[in-house]
Amino acid sequence: MMKDIVIIGGGGHAKVIASVLKRHPLWNPIGYLDVVNKGYLLELPYLGMDETLPRIMKDQEVFNAVIGIGQIQNTEDRKKIVRNIESIGISLPAIVSSRALVNEEVKIGDGTVIMDG
């Protein structure tokens, strides 16, 4: 059974993550959040700004998100985003591309995204 997931961010990194999610047998990306509406992201709709996440969680029963924000100058900003997401009960699961090669001894933590190859 596929699980709905929201992408946080709408830039290039989010686009790569969207591509991974769209091929993944477990995840159903429903759209993305960003401070700017950039139109469709690989056919995924813009859902609003980060403040929209609690409503999406309640109305659409989405309990998973992935950080699709690439370069942030200050790591504290990324930590703040993660804390905000987790504080409303949204999970940040590990996403592993079906095209990734990962050694069986590797431990993958929550919020990790492993891309193709």
PDB file of N, CA and C in Angstrom:
ATOM      1  N   MET A   1       0.835  -1.184   0.000  1.00  0.00           N
ATOM      2  CA  MET A   1       0.000   0.000   0.000  1.00  0.00           C
ATOM      3  C   MET A   1       0.881   1.249   0.000  1.00  0.00           C
ATOM      4  N   MET A   2       0.618   2.133  -0.937  1.00  0.00           N
ATOM      5  CA  MET A   2       1.404   3.350  -1.041  1.00  0.00           C
ATOM      6  C   MET A   2       1.008   4.355   0.041  1.00  0.00           C
ATOM      7  N   LYS A   3       1.996   5.123   0.477  1.00  0.00           N
ATOM      8  CA  LYS A   3       1.770   6.151   1.490  1.00  0.00           C
ATOM      9  C   LYS A   3       1.971   7.516   0.861  1.00  0.00           C
ATOM     10  N   ASP A   4       1.043   8.429   1.162  1.00  0.00           N
ATOM     11  CA  ASP A   4       1.167   9.796   0.668  1.00  0.00           C
ATOM     12  C   ASP A   4       2.315  10.508   1.368  1.00  0.00           C
ATOM     13  N   ILE A   5       2.975  11.380   0.621  1.00  0.00           N
ATOM     14  CA  ILE A   5       4.087  12.142   1.165  1.00  0.00           C
ATOM     15  C   ILE A   5       4.118  13.514   0.496  1.00  0.00           C
ATOM     16  N   VAL A   6       4.526  14.522   1.258  1.00  0.00           N
ATOM     17  CA  VAL A   6       4.636  15.899   0.781  1.00  0.00           C
ATOM     18  C   VAL A   6       6.117  16.257   0.714  1.00  0.00           C
ATOM     19  N   ILE A   7       6.492  16.963  -0.340  1.00  0.00           N
ATOM     20  CA  ILE A   7       7.866  17.432  -0.492  1.00  0.00           C
ATOM     21  C   ILE A   7       7.940  18.872   0.025  1.00  0.00           C
ATOM     22  N   ILE A   8       8.898  19.131   0.904  1.00  0.00           N
ATOM     23  CA  ILE A   8       9.122  20.477   1.430  1.00  0.00           C
ATOM     24  C   ILE A   8      10.213  21.117   0.567  1.00  0.00           C
ATOM     25  N   GLY A   9       9.817  22.102  -0.222  1.00  0.00           N
ATOM     26  CA  GLY A   9      10.742  22.763  -1.129  1.00  0.00           C
ATOM     27  C   GLY A   9      10.292  22.556  -2.566  1.00  0.00           C
ATOM     28  N   GLY A  10      10.662  23.494  -3.427  1.00  0.00           N
ATOM     29  CA  GLY A  10      10.219  23.411  -4.807  1.00  0.00           C
ATOM     30  C   GLY A  10      11.303  23.713  -5.820  1.00  0.00           C
ATOM     31  N   GLY A  11      12.563  23.598  -5.411  1.00  0.00           N
ATOM     32  CA  GLY A  11      13.663  23.890  -6.324  1.00  0.00           C
ATOM     33  C   GLY A  11      14.214  22.642  -6.990  1.00  0.00           C
ATOM     34  N   GLY A  12      15.460  22.741  -7.413  1.00  0.00           N
ATOM     35  CA  GLY A  12      16.097  21.644  -8.123  1.00  0.00           C
ATOM     36  C   GLY A  12      16.232  20.376  -7.305  1.00  0.00           C
ATOM     37  N   HIS A  13      16.607  20.505  -6.040  1.00  0.00           N
ATOM     38  CA  HIS A  13      16.746  19.328  -5.177  1.00  0.00           C
ATOM     39  C   HIS A  13      15.390  18.647  -4.988  1.00  0.00           C
ATOM     40  N   ALA A  14      14.356  19.432  -4.802  1.00  0.00           N
ATOM     41  CA  ALA A  14      13.007  18.880  -4.658  1.00  0.00           C
ATOM     42  C   ALA A  14      12.590  18.130  -5.926  1.00  0.00           C
ATOM     43  N   LYS A  15      13.000  18.635  -7.052  1.00  0.00           N
ATOM     44  CA  LYS A  15      12.672  17.997  -8.326  1.00  0.00           C
ATOM     45  C   LYS A  15      13.316  16.609  -8.427  1.00  0.00           C
ATOM     46  N   VAL A  16      14.569  16.497  -7.990  1.00  0.00           N
ATOM     47  CA  VAL A  16      15.245  15.204  -7.998  1.00  0.00           C
ATOM     48  C   VAL A  16      14.550  14.239  -7.044  1.00  0.00           C
ATOM     49  N   ILE A  17      14.183  14.724  -5.869  1.00  0.00           N
ATOM     50  CA  ILE A  17      13.474  13.883  -4.902  1.00  0.00           C
ATOM     51  C   ILE A  17      12.118  13.467  -5.456  1.00  0.00           C
ATOM     52  N   ALA A  18      11.415  14.377  -6.122  1.00  0.00           N
ATOM     53  CA  ALA A  18      10.123  14.047  -6.731  1.00  0.00           C
ATOM     54  C   ALA A  18      10.283  12.917  -7.732  1.00  0.00           C
ATOM     55  N   SER A  19      11.340  12.961  -8.507  1.00  0.00           N
ATOM     56  CA  SER A  19      11.597  11.908  -9.488  1.00  0.00           C
ATOM     57  C   SER A  19      11.809  10.559  -8.805  1.00  0.00           C
ATOM     58  N   VAL A  20      12.562  10.543  -7.726  1.00  0.00           N
ATOM     59  CA  VAL A  20      12.790   9.311  -6.959  1.00  0.00           C
ATOM     60  C   VAL A  20      11.467   8.792  -6.401  1.00  0.00           C
ATOM     61  N   LEU A  21      10.677   9.687  -5.807  1.00  0.00           N
ATOM     62  CA  LEU A  21       9.414   9.280  -5.188  1.00  0.00           C
ATOM     63  C   LEU A  21       8.407   8.750  -6.209  1.00  0.00           C
ATOM     64  N   LYS A  22       8.363   9.349  -7.377  1.00  0.00           N
ATOM     65  CA  LYS A  22       7.387   8.945  -8.388  1.00  0.00           C
ATOM     66  C   LYS A  22       7.636   7.520  -8.894  1.00  0.00           C
ATOM     67  N   ARG A  23       8.873   7.046  -8.797  1.00  0.00           N
ATOM     68  CA  ARG A  23       9.204   5.683  -9.214  1.00  0.00           C
ATOM     69  C   ARG A  23       9.159   4.689  -8.062  1.00  0.00           C
ATOM     70  N   HIS A  24       9.038   5.182  -6.850  1.00  0.00           N
ATOM     71  CA  HIS A  24       9.157   4.327  -5.670  1.00  0.00           C
ATOM     72  C   HIS A  24       7.858   3.557  -5.418  1.00  0.00           C
ATOM     73  N   PRO A  25       7.945   2.272  -5.100  1.00  0.00           N
ATOM     74  CA  PRO A  25       6.730   1.482  -4.888  1.00  0.00           C
ATOM     75  C   PRO A  25       5.980   1.798  -3.590  1.00  0.00           C
ATOM     76  N   LEU A  26       6.628   2.457  -2.639  1.00  0.00           N
ATOM     77  CA  LEU A  26       5.995   2.739  -1.345  1.00  0.00           C
ATOM     78  C   LEU A  26       5.391   4.135  -1.255  1.00  0.00           C
ATOM     79  N   TRP A  27       5.948   5.108  -1.983  1.00  0.00           N
ATOM     80  CA  TRP A  27       5.568   6.503  -1.770  1.00  0.00           C
ATOM     81  C   TRP A  27       4.732   7.079  -2.905  1.00  0.00           C
ATOM     82  N   ASN A  28       3.735   7.877  -2.509  1.00  0.00           N
ATOM     83  CA  ASN A  28       2.872   8.591  -3.439  1.00  0.00           C
ATOM     84  C   ASN A  28       3.012  10.088  -3.167  1.00  0.00           C
ATOM     85  N   PRO A  29       3.885  10.782  -3.909  1.00  0.00           N
ATOM     86  CA  PRO A  29       4.034  12.217  -3.666  1.00  0.00           C
ATOM     87  C   PRO A  29       2.787  12.966  -4.124  1.00  0.00           C
ATOM     88  N   ILE A  30       2.205  13.758  -3.218  1.00  0.00           N
ATOM     89  CA  ILE A  30       0.955  14.457  -3.564  1.00  0.00           C
ATOM     90  C   ILE A  30       1.180  15.906  -3.968  1.00  0.00           C
ATOM     91  N   GLY A  31       2.380  16.438  -3.736  1.00  0.00           N
ATOM     92  CA  GLY A  31       2.657  17.822  -4.090  1.00  0.00           C
ATOM     93  C   GLY A  31       3.812  18.350  -3.270  1.00  0.00           C
ATOM     94  N   TYR A  32       4.017  19.665  -3.404  1.00  0.00           N
ATOM     95  CA  TYR A  32       5.146  20.277  -2.707  1.00  0.00           C
ATOM     96  C   TYR A  32       4.732  21.587  -2.049  1.00  0.00           C
ATOM     97  N   LEU A  33       5.498  21.950  -1.027  1.00  0.00           N
ATOM     98  CA  LEU A  33       5.337  23.227  -0.332  1.00  0.00           C
ATOM     99  C   LEU A  33       6.568  24.083  -0.615  1.00  0.00           C
ATOM    100  N   ASP A  34       6.363  25.384  -0.764  1.00  0.00           N
ATOM    101  CA  ASP A  34       7.472  26.290  -0.988  1.00  0.00           C
ATOM    102  C   ASP A  34       6.984  27.698  -0.666  1.00  0.00           C
ATOM    103  N   VAL A  35       7.899  28.617  -0.476  1.00  0.00           N
ATOM    104  CA  VAL A  35       7.507  30.003  -0.228  1.00  0.00           C
ATOM    105  C   VAL A  35       7.021  30.671  -1.506  1.00  0.00           C
ATOM    106  N   VAL A  36       7.313  30.053  -2.655  1.00  0.00           N
ATOM    107  CA  VAL A  36       6.905  30.588  -3.950  1.00  0.00           C
ATOM    108  C   VAL A  36       6.208  29.493  -4.747  1.00  0.00           C
ATOM    109  N   ASN A  37       5.080  29.819  -5.350  1.00  0.00           N
ATOM    110  CA  ASN A  37       4.391  28.883  -6.229  1.00  0.00           C
ATOM    111  C   ASN A  37       5.146  28.835  -7.550  1.00  0.00           C
ATOM    112  N   LYS A  38       5.783  27.716  -7.812  1.00  0.00           N
ATOM    113  CA  LYS A  38       6.570  27.556  -9.035  1.00  0.00           C
ATOM    114  C   LYS A  38       5.820  26.724 -10.074  1.00  0.00           C
ATOM    115  N   GLY A  39       4.506  26.639  -9.917  1.00  0.00           N
ATOM    116  CA  GLY A  39       3.727  25.821 -10.837  1.00  0.00           C
ATOM    117  C   GLY A  39       3.922  24.350 -10.512  1.00  0.00           C
ATOM    118  N   TYR A  40       3.727  23.514 -11.490  1.00  0.00           N
ATOM    119  CA  TYR A  40       3.876  22.078 -11.274  1.00  0.00           C
ATOM    120  C   TYR A  40       5.348  21.689 -11.219  1.00  0.00           C
ATOM    121  N   LEU A  41       5.646  20.756 -10.349  1.00  0.00           N
ATOM    122  CA  LEU A  41       6.991  20.220 -10.189  1.00  0.00           C
ATOM    123  C   LEU A  41       6.924  18.755 -10.613  1.00  0.00           C
ATOM    124  N   LEU A  42       7.350  18.453 -11.829  1.00  0.00           N
ATOM    125  CA  LEU A  42       7.218  17.105 -12.387  1.00  0.00           C
ATOM    126  C   LEU A  42       5.783  16.589 -12.232  1.00  0.00           C
ATOM    127  N   GLU A  43       4.843  17.422 -12.606  1.00  0.00           N
ATOM    128  CA  GLU A  43       3.410  17.129 -12.568  1.00  0.00           C
ATOM    129  C   GLU A  43       2.813  17.130 -11.159  1.00  0.00           C
ATOM    130  N   LEU A  44       3.602  17.488 -10.146  1.00  0.00           N
ATOM    131  CA  LEU A  44       3.095  17.558  -8.772  1.00  0.00           C
ATOM    132  C   LEU A  44       2.660  18.990  -8.486  1.00  0.00           C
ATOM    133  N   PRO A  45       1.479  19.161  -7.890  1.00  0.00           N
ATOM    134  CA  PRO A  45       0.958  20.509  -7.660  1.00  0.00           C
ATOM    135  C   PRO A  45       1.610  21.219  -6.481  1.00  0.00           C
ATOM    136  N   TYR A  46       1.552  22.534  -6.562  1.00  0.00           N
ATOM    137  CA  TYR A  46       1.943  23.395  -5.448  1.00  0.00           C
ATOM    138  C   TYR A  46       0.828  23.332  -4.407  1.00  0.00           C
ATOM    139  N   LEU A  47       1.194  23.070  -3.147  1.00  0.00           N
ATOM    140  CA  LEU A  47       0.202  22.932  -2.077  1.00  0.00           C
ATOM    141  C   LEU A  47       0.152  24.129  -1.145  1.00  0.00           C
ATOM    142  N   GLY A  48       1.087  25.054  -1.277  1.00  0.00           N
ATOM    143  CA  GLY A  48       1.119  26.217  -0.412  1.00  0.00           C
ATOM    144  C   GLY A  48       2.462  26.356   0.277  1.00  0.00           C
ATOM    145  N   MET A  49       2.478  27.234   1.272  1.00  0.00           N
ATOM    146  CA  MET A  49       3.692  27.466   2.042  1.00  0.00           C
ATOM    147  C   MET A  49       3.773  26.451   3.180  1.00  0.00           C
ATOM    148  N   ASP A  50       4.879  26.464   3.910  1.00  0.00           N
ATOM    149  CA  ASP A  50       5.088  25.497   4.988  1.00  0.00           C
ATOM    150  C   ASP A  50       3.946  25.503   6.010  1.00  0.00           C
ATOM    151  N   GLU A  51       3.351  26.674   6.217  1.00  0.00           N
ATOM    152  CA  GLU A  51       2.268  26.789   7.197  1.00  0.00           C
ATOM    153  C   GLU A  51       1.039  25.954   6.798  1.00  0.00           C
ATOM    154  N   THR A  52       0.994  25.501   5.558  1.00  0.00           N
ATOM    155  CA  THR A  52      -0.122  24.703   5.049  1.00  0.00           C
ATOM    156  C   THR A  52      -0.055  23.264   5.529  1.00  0.00           C
ATOM    157  N   LEU A  53       1.112  22.809   5.973  1.00  0.00           N
ATOM    158  CA  LEU A  53       1.312  21.403   6.325  1.00  0.00           C
ATOM    159  C   LEU A  53       0.334  20.874   7.381  1.00  0.00           C
ATOM    160  N   PRO A  54       0.053  21.596   8.464  1.00  0.00           N
ATOM    161  CA  PRO A  54      -0.921  21.065   9.429  1.00  0.00           C
ATOM    162  C   PRO A  54      -2.306  20.827   8.811  1.00  0.00           C
ATOM    163  N   ARG A  55      -2.742  21.716   7.913  1.00  0.00           N
ATOM    164  CA  ARG A  55      -4.049  21.533   7.263  1.00  0.00           C
ATOM    165  C   ARG A  55      -4.029  20.306   6.345  1.00  0.00           C
ATOM    166  N   ILE A  56      -2.943  20.136   5.610  1.00  0.00           N
ATOM    167  CA  ILE A  56      -2.814  18.972   4.731  1.00  0.00           C
ATOM    168  C   ILE A  56      -2.844  17.699   5.557  1.00  0.00           C
ATOM    169  N   MET A  57      -2.153  17.728   6.680  1.00  0.00           N
ATOM    170  CA  MET A  57      -2.129  16.572   7.571  1.00  0.00           C
ATOM    171  C   MET A  57      -3.537  16.232   8.036  1.00  0.00           C
ATOM    172  N   LYS A  58      -4.299  17.249   8.413  1.00  0.00           N
ATOM    173  CA  LYS A  58      -5.646  17.029   8.934  1.00  0.00           C
ATOM    174  C   LYS A  58      -6.633  16.665   7.823  1.00  0.00           C
ATOM    175  N   ASP A  59      -6.665  17.451   6.763  1.00  0.00           N
ATOM    176  CA  ASP A  59      -7.664  17.265   5.710  1.00  0.00           C
ATOM    177  C   ASP A  59      -7.403  16.046   4.836  1.00  0.00           C
ATOM    178  N   GLN A  60      -6.144  15.801   4.508  1.00  0.00           N
ATOM    179  CA  GLN A  60      -5.818  14.720   3.582  1.00  0.00           C
ATOM    180  C   GLN A  60      -5.174  13.528   4.263  1.00  0.00           C
ATOM    181  N   GLU A  61      -5.013  13.614   5.575  1.00  0.00           N
ATOM    182  CA  GLU A  61      -4.409  12.544   6.362  1.00  0.00           C
ATOM    183  C   GLU A  61      -3.041  12.140   5.816  1.00  0.00           C
ATOM    184  N   VAL A  62      -2.213  13.137   5.580  1.00  0.00           N
ATOM    185  CA  VAL A  62      -0.839  12.908   5.157  1.00  0.00           C
ATOM    186  C   VAL A  62       0.041  13.038   6.390  1.00  0.00           C
ATOM    187  N   PHE A  63       0.830  12.019   6.654  1.00  0.00           N
ATOM    188  CA  PHE A  63       1.646  12.005   7.858  1.00  0.00           C
ATOM    189  C   PHE A  63       3.142  11.896   7.569  1.00  0.00           C
ATOM    190  N   ASN A  64       3.515  12.074   6.295  1.00  0.00           N
ATOM    191  CA  ASN A  64       4.915  11.937   5.903  1.00  0.00           C
ATOM    192  C   ASN A  64       5.340  13.118   5.038  1.00  0.00           C
ATOM    193  N   ALA A  65       6.591  13.522   5.229  1.00  0.00           N
ATOM    194  CA  ALA A  65       7.166  14.591   4.419  1.00  0.00           C
ATOM    195  C   ALA A  65       8.626  14.267   4.175  1.00  0.00           C
ATOM    196  N   VAL A  66       9.174  14.917   3.176  1.00  0.00           N
ATOM    197  CA  VAL A  66      10.597  14.792   2.873  1.00  0.00           C
ATOM    198  C   VAL A  66      11.127  16.196   2.612  1.00  0.00           C
ATOM    199  N   ILE A  67      12.310  16.467   3.145  1.00  0.00           N
ATOM    200  CA  ILE A  67      12.927  17.774   2.953  1.00  0.00           C
ATOM    201  C   ILE A  67      13.559  17.794   1.560  1.00  0.00           C
ATOM    202  N   GLY A  68      13.057  18.671   0.714  1.00  0.00           N
ATOM    203  CA  GLY A  68      13.561  18.805  -0.643  1.00  0.00           C
ATOM    204  C   GLY A  68      14.264  20.127  -0.851  1.00  0.00           C
ATOM    205  N   ILE A  69      14.772  20.685   0.236  1.00  0.00           N
ATOM    206  CA  ILE A  69      15.486  21.956   0.162  1.00  0.00           C
ATOM    207  C   ILE A  69      16.965  21.635   0.057  1.00  0.00           C
ATOM    208  N   GLY A  70      17.580  22.101  -0.991  1.00  0.00           N
ATOM    209  CA  GLY A  70      18.991  21.803  -1.218  1.00  0.00           C
ATOM    210  C   GLY A  70      19.885  22.651  -0.344  1.00  0.00           C
ATOM    211  N   GLN A  71      20.522  23.613  -0.932  1.00  0.00           N
ATOM    212  CA  GLN A  71      21.514  24.414  -0.235  1.00  0.00           C
ATOM    213  C   GLN A  71      20.866  25.442   0.684  1.00  0.00           C
ATOM    214  N   ILE A  72      21.225  25.354   1.949  1.00  0.00           N
ATOM    215  CA  ILE A  72      20.847  26.352   2.947  1.00  0.00           C
ATOM    216  C   ILE A  72      22.150  26.807   3.594  1.00  0.00           C
ATOM    217  N   GLN A  73      22.376  28.107   3.639  1.00  0.00           N
ATOM    218  CA  GLN A  73      23.633  28.639   4.154  1.00  0.00           C
ATOM    219  C   GLN A  73      23.833  28.330   5.634  1.00  0.00           C
ATOM    220  N   ASN A  74      22.750  28.256   6.380  1.00  0.00           N
ATOM    221  CA  ASN A  74      22.829  28.092   7.822  1.00  0.00           C
ATOM    222  C   ASN A  74      22.150  26.777   8.211  1.00  0.00           C
ATOM    223  N   THR A  75      22.900  25.860   8.810  1.00  0.00           N
ATOM    224  CA  THR A  75      22.311  24.575   9.201  1.00  0.00           C
ATOM    225  C   THR A  75      21.221  24.739  10.259  1.00  0.00           C
ATOM    226  N   GLU A  76      21.257  25.809  11.012  1.00  0.00           N
ATOM    227  CA  GLU A  76      20.208  26.046  12.010  1.00  0.00           C
ATOM    228  C   GLU A  76      18.852  26.218  11.335  1.00  0.00           C
ATOM    229  N   ASP A  77      18.831  26.810  10.136  1.00  0.00           N
ATOM    230  CA  ASP A  77      17.569  26.961   9.405  1.00  0.00           C
ATOM    231  C   ASP A  77      16.995  25.593   9.052  1.00  0.00           C
ATOM    232  N   ARG A  78      17.837  24.675   8.604  1.00  0.00           N
ATOM    233  CA  ARG A  78      17.382  23.312   8.273  1.00  0.00           C
ATOM    234  C   ARG A  78      16.869  22.600   9.533  1.00  0.00           C
ATOM    235  N   LYS A  79      17.595  22.744  10.629  1.00  0.00           N
ATOM    236  CA  LYS A  79      17.167  22.124  11.889  1.00  0.00           C
ATOM    237  C   LYS A  79      15.818  22.679  12.333  1.00  0.00           C
ATOM    238  N   LYS A  80      15.605  23.970  12.154  1.00  0.00           N
ATOM    239  CA  LYS A  80      14.334  24.597  12.522  1.00  0.00           C
ATOM    240  C   LYS A  80      13.197  24.012  11.685  1.00  0.00           C
ATOM    241  N   ILE A  81      13.427  23.834  10.399  1.00  0.00           N
ATOM    242  CA  ILE A  81      12.413  23.241   9.521  1.00  0.00           C
ATOM    243  C   ILE A  81      12.064  21.839  10.004  1.00  0.00           C
ATOM    244  N   VAL A  82      13.070  21.052  10.316  1.00  0.00           N
ATOM    245  CA  VAL A  82      12.843  19.681  10.794  1.00  0.00           C
ATOM    246  C   VAL A  82      12.068  19.695  12.105  1.00  0.00           C
ATOM    247  N   ARG A  83      12.461  20.543  13.040  1.00  0.00           N
ATOM    248  CA  ARG A  83      11.753  20.616  14.333  1.00  0.00           C
ATOM    249  C   ARG A  83      10.295  21.008  14.136  1.00  0.00           C
ATOM    250  N   ASN A  84      10.026  21.975  13.257  1.00  0.00           N
ATOM    251  CA  ASN A  84       8.645  22.396  12.995  1.00  0.00           C
ATOM    252  C   ASN A  84       7.812  21.258  12.418  1.00  0.00           C
ATOM    253  N   ILE A  85       8.376  20.534  11.481  1.00  0.00           N
ATOM    254  CA  ILE A  85       7.652  19.412  10.866  1.00  0.00           C
ATOM    255  C   ILE A  85       7.365  18.337  11.907  1.00  0.00           C
ATOM    256  N   GLU A  86       8.360  17.964  12.665  1.00  0.00           N
ATOM    257  CA  GLU A  86       8.191  16.917  13.670  1.00  0.00           C
ATOM    258  C   GLU A  86       7.239  17.348  14.782  1.00  0.00           C
ATOM    259  N   SER A  87       7.197  18.645  15.100  1.00  0.00           N
ATOM    260  CA  SER A  87       6.340  19.123  16.196  1.00  0.00           C
ATOM    261  C   SER A  87       4.853  18.969  15.889  1.00  0.00           C
ATOM    262  N   ILE A  88       4.497  18.884  14.609  1.00  0.00           N
ATOM    263  CA  ILE A  88       3.078  18.707  14.277  1.00  0.00           C
ATOM    264  C   ILE A  88       2.734  17.247  13.995  1.00  0.00           C
ATOM    265  N   GLY A  89       3.691  16.357  14.230  1.00  0.00           N
ATOM    266  CA  GLY A  89       3.409  14.934  14.102  1.00  0.00           C
ATOM    267  C   GLY A  89       3.659  14.344  12.720  1.00  0.00           C
ATOM    268  N   ILE A  90       4.379  15.066  11.892  1.00  0.00           N
ATOM    269  CA  ILE A  90       4.713  14.565  10.561  1.00  0.00           C
ATOM    270  C   ILE A  90       6.024  13.784  10.649  1.00  0.00           C
ATOM    271  N   SER A  91       6.053  12.606  10.044  1.00  0.00           N
ATOM    272  CA  SER A  91       7.271  11.798  10.006  1.00  0.00           C
ATOM    273  C   SER A  91       8.140  12.206   8.833  1.00  0.00           C
ATOM    274  N   LEU A  92       9.428  12.091   9.021  1.00  0.00           N
ATOM    275  CA  LEU A  92      10.411  12.312   7.963  1.00  0.00           C
ATOM    276  C   LEU A  92      11.102  10.971   7.706  1.00  0.00           C
ATOM    277  N   PRO A  93      10.460  10.098   6.952  1.00  0.00           N
ATOM    278  CA  PRO A  93      11.026   8.763   6.753  1.00  0.00           C
ATOM    279  C   PRO A  93      12.261   8.792   5.857  1.00  0.00           C
ATOM    280  N   ALA A  94      13.044   7.748   5.952  1.00  0.00           N
ATOM    281  CA  ALA A  94      14.168   7.581   5.027  1.00  0.00           C
ATOM    282  C   ALA A  94      13.597   7.204   3.667  1.00  0.00           C
ATOM    283  N   ILE A  95      14.110   7.834   2.638  1.00  0.00           N
ATOM    284  CA  ILE A  95      13.707   7.550   1.262  1.00  0.00           C
ATOM    285  C   ILE A  95      14.933   6.978   0.551  1.00  0.00           C
ATOM    286  N   VAL A  96      14.798   5.776   0.033  1.00  0.00           N
ATOM    287  CA  VAL A  96      15.897   5.137  -0.679  1.00  0.00           C
ATOM    288  C   VAL A  96      15.419   4.819  -2.087  1.00  0.00           C
ATOM    289  N   SER A  97      16.078   5.398  -3.061  1.00  0.00           N
ATOM    290  CA  SER A  97      15.715   5.163  -4.454  1.00  0.00           C
ATOM    291  C   SER A  97      15.792   3.677  -4.775  1.00  0.00           C
ATOM    292  N   SER A  98      14.850   3.214  -5.572  1.00  0.00           N
ATOM    293  CA  SER A  98      14.879   1.816  -6.007  1.00  0.00           C
ATOM    294  C   SER A  98      16.076   1.572  -6.936  1.00  0.00           C
ATOM    295  N   ARG A  99      16.720   2.637  -7.380  1.00  0.00           N
ATOM    296  CA  ARG A  99      17.898   2.536  -8.244  1.00  0.00           C
ATOM    297  C   ARG A  99      19.202   2.779  -7.482  1.00  0.00           C
ATOM    298  N   ALA A 100      19.137   2.815  -6.159  1.00  0.00           N
ATOM    299  CA  ALA A 100      20.334   3.048  -5.344  1.00  0.00           C
ATOM    300  C   ALA A 100      21.015   1.729  -5.014  1.00  0.00           C
ATOM    301  N   LEU A 101      22.306   1.805  -4.847  1.00  0.00           N
ATOM    302  CA  LEU A 101      23.091   0.656  -4.406  1.00  0.00           C
ATOM    303  C   LEU A 101      23.557   0.958  -2.988  1.00  0.00           C
ATOM    304  N   VAL A 102      23.015   0.205  -2.029  1.00  0.00           N
ATOM    305  CA  VAL A 102      23.321   0.460  -0.623  1.00  0.00           C
ATOM    306  C   VAL A 102      23.770  -0.847   0.025  1.00  0.00           C
ATOM    307  N   ASN A 103      24.935  -0.832   0.633  1.00  0.00           N
ATOM    308  CA  ASN A 103      25.457  -2.001   1.328  1.00  0.00           C
ATOM    309  C   ASN A 103      24.505  -2.402   2.450  1.00  0.00           C
ATOM    310  N   GLU A 104      24.348  -3.693   2.652  1.00  0.00           N
ATOM    311  CA  GLU A 104      23.407  -4.188   3.669  1.00  0.00           C
ATOM    312  C   GLU A 104      23.791  -3.805   5.092  1.00  0.00           C
ATOM    313  N   GLU A 105      25.017  -3.370   5.324  1.00  0.00           N
ATOM    314  CA  GLU A 105      25.445  -2.983   6.662  1.00  0.00           C
ATOM    315  C   GLU A 105      25.216  -1.511   6.966  1.00  0.00           C
ATOM    316  N   VAL A 106      24.773  -0.758   5.991  1.00  0.00           N
ATOM    317  CA  VAL A 106      24.559   0.667   6.172  1.00  0.00           C
ATOM    318  C   VAL A 106      23.308   0.907   7.013  1.00  0.00           C
ATOM    319  N   LYS A 107      23.433   1.780   7.987  1.00  0.00           N
ATOM    320  CA  LYS A 107      22.285   2.175   8.807  1.00  0.00           C
ATOM    321  C   LYS A 107      21.783   3.506   8.271  1.00  0.00           C
ATOM    322  N   ILE A 108      20.499   3.537   7.916  1.00  0.00           N
ATOM    323  CA  ILE A 108      19.906   4.729   7.303  1.00  0.00           C
ATOM    324  C   ILE A 108      18.946   5.352   8.299  1.00  0.00           C
ATOM    325  N   GLY A 109      19.198   6.575   8.691  1.00  0.00           N
ATOM    326  CA  GLY A 109      18.365   7.253   9.674  1.00  0.00           C
ATOM    327  C   GLY A 109      17.190   7.990   9.051  1.00  0.00           C
ATOM    328  N   ASP A 110      16.225   8.346   9.893  1.00  0.00           N
ATOM    329  CA  ASP A 110      15.066   9.119   9.457  1.00  0.00           C
ATOM    330  C   ASP A 110      15.516  10.405   8.780  1.00  0.00           C
ATOM    331  N   GLY A 111      14.782  10.810   7.779  1.00  0.00           N
ATOM    332  CA  GLY A 111      15.055  12.055   7.081  1.00  0.00           C
ATOM    333  C   GLY A 111      16.127  11.940   6.007  1.00  0.00           C
ATOM    334  N   THR A 112      16.715  10.765   5.876  1.00  0.00           N
ATOM    335  CA  THR A 112      17.750  10.547   4.864  1.00  0.00           C
ATOM    336  C   THR A 112      17.111  10.325   3.505  1.00  0.00           C
ATOM    337  N   VAL A 113      17.730  10.852   2.467  1.00  0.00           N
ATOM    338  CA  VAL A 113      17.313  10.574   1.096  1.00  0.00           C
ATOM    339  C   VAL A 113      18.527  10.045   0.346  1.00  0.00           C
ATOM    340  N   ILE A 114      18.397   8.833  -0.197  1.00  0.00           N
ATOM    341  CA  ILE A 114      19.466   8.230  -0.987  1.00  0.00           C
ATOM    342  C   ILE A 114      18.976   8.210  -2.429  1.00  0.00           C
ATOM    343  N   MET A 115      19.726   8.906  -3.265  1.00  0.00           N
ATOM    344  CA  MET A 115      19.344   9.104  -4.664  1.00  0.00           C
ATOM    345  C   MET A 115      19.762   7.908  -5.523  1.00  0.00           C
ATOM    346  N   ASP A 116      19.444   7.984  -6.799  1.00  0.00           N
ATOM    347  CA  ASP A 116      19.816   6.961  -7.767  1.00  0.00           C
ATOM    348  C   ASP A 116      21.321   6.723  -7.750  1.00  0.00           C
ATOM    349  N   GLY A 117      21.697   5.462  -7.954  1.00  0.00           N
ATOM    350  CA  GLY A 117      23.124   5.109  -8.064  1.00  0.00           C
ATOM    351  C   GLY A 117      23.770   4.951  -6.729  1.00  0.00           C
TER     352      GLY A 117
END
